[in-house]
Amino acid sequence: MEKSKFALVSLILGIISFVQLLGVEKGTLGIVFGILALREITKQPELKGRKMAIIGIVLSALYVVIVCVFFQQIKEFLTAITSIWR
């Protein structure tokens, strides 16, 4: 049985998105490739890689959420600092 290449790419992007910080594009692509893999696996049941695709989606989504929360915290910090200087 052959593994889905989309699932492998999704997993790899999900993992490496944590390596280079603030690289939201890798997380987004990991989600997209994971969804493509799940669709491909549904259409071709002989393909493997469903777990890899799901893990890739979860890791990628987690990273995107972490980056969004980080930027929100930075925004609040900068707002607080600028209000002190006024």
Protein backbone atom coordinates (compact mmCIF):
# COMPACT_ATOMS: atom_id res chain seq x y z
CA MET A 1 0.00 0.00 0.00
CA GLU A 2 1.19 3.44 -0.92
CA LYS A 3 1.14 6.42 1.43
CA SER A 4 -0.39 9.73 0.43
CA LYS A 5 2.28 12.24 -0.52
CA PHE A 6 0.00 15.07 0.62
CA ALA A 7 -0.16 13.49 4.08
CA LEU A 8 3.63 13.32 4.29
CA VAL A 9 4.00 16.96 3.20
CA SER A 10 1.36 18.03 5.73
CA LEU A 11 3.18 16.24 8.55
CA ILE A 12 6.56 17.67 7.56
CA LEU A 13 5.18 21.22 7.30
CA GLY A 14 3.44 20.82 10.65
CA ILE A 15 6.71 19.85 12.29
CA ILE A 16 9.00 22.41 10.63
CA SER A 17 6.58 25.27 11.22
CA PHE A 18 7.81 25.18 14.83
CA VAL A 19 11.46 25.34 13.76
CA GLN A 20 11.42 28.77 12.16
CA LEU A 21 9.27 30.96 14.37
CA LEU A 22 6.59 33.23 12.93
CA GLY A 23 6.43 31.33 9.66
CA VAL A 24 2.64 31.20 9.45
CA GLU A 25 2.74 30.30 5.77
CA LYS A 26 4.13 26.84 6.59
CA GLY A 27 1.36 26.23 9.09
CA THR A 28 -1.27 27.33 6.60
CA LEU A 29 0.17 25.10 3.89
CA GLY A 30 0.30 22.20 6.36
CA ILE A 31 -3.44 22.57 6.95
CA VAL A 32 -4.16 22.77 3.21
CA PHE A 33 -2.06 19.71 2.36
CA GLY A 34 -3.60 17.79 5.25
CA ILE A 35 -7.09 18.48 3.93
CA LEU A 36 -6.00 17.51 0.42
CA ALA A 37 -4.56 14.28 1.82
CA LEU A 38 -7.76 13.40 3.67
CA ARG A 39 -9.78 14.00 0.48
CA GLU A 40 -7.34 11.90 -1.55
CA ILE A 41 -7.41 9.06 1.00
CA THR A 42 -11.23 9.13 1.08
CA LYS A 43 -11.39 8.83 -2.72
CA GLN A 44 -8.67 6.17 -2.88
CA PRO A 45 -9.10 3.87 0.16
CA GLU A 46 -5.96 1.88 -0.75
CA LEU A 47 -3.82 4.89 0.22
CA LYS A 48 -2.38 5.11 3.73
CA GLY A 49 -1.48 8.21 5.69
CA ARG A 50 -4.72 9.30 7.34
CA LYS A 51 -3.03 9.60 10.75
CA MET A 52 -0.12 11.55 9.26
CA ALA A 53 -2.56 13.98 7.62
CA ILE A 54 -4.49 14.48 10.86
CA ILE A 55 -1.31 15.01 12.88
CA GLY A 56 -0.08 17.48 10.24
CA ILE A 57 -3.35 19.42 10.43
CA VAL A 58 -3.31 19.48 14.23
CA LEU A 59 0.33 20.60 14.48
CA SER A 60 -0.14 23.25 11.81
CA ALA A 61 -3.34 24.59 13.36
CA LEU A 62 -1.74 24.64 16.80
CA TYR A 63 1.18 26.65 15.45
CA VAL A 64 -1.09 29.16 13.70
CA VAL A 65 -3.07 29.65 16.93
CA ILE A 66 0.12 30.12 18.96
CA VAL A 67 1.40 32.76 16.53
CA CYS A 68 -1.95 34.61 16.56
CA VAL A 69 -1.99 34.66 20.37
CA PHE A 70 1.63 35.84 20.40
CA PHE A 71 0.86 38.74 18.05
CA GLN A 72 -2.20 39.67 20.11
CA GLN A 73 -0.07 39.78 23.25
CA ILE A 74 2.55 41.94 21.50
CA LYS A 75 -0.20 44.32 20.35
CA GLU A 76 -1.55 44.64 23.90
CA PHE A 77 1.95 45.18 25.27
CA LEU A 78 2.72 47.92 22.77
CA THR A 79 -0.63 49.59 23.45
CA ALA A 80 0.12 49.61 27.18
CA ILE A 81 3.58 51.07 26.65
CA THR A 82 2.35 53.82 24.35
CA SER A 83 -0.36 54.78 26.84
CA ILE A 84 2.31 55.22 29.54
CA TRP A 85 4.25 57.67 27.37
CA ARG A 86 1.26 59.89 26.66
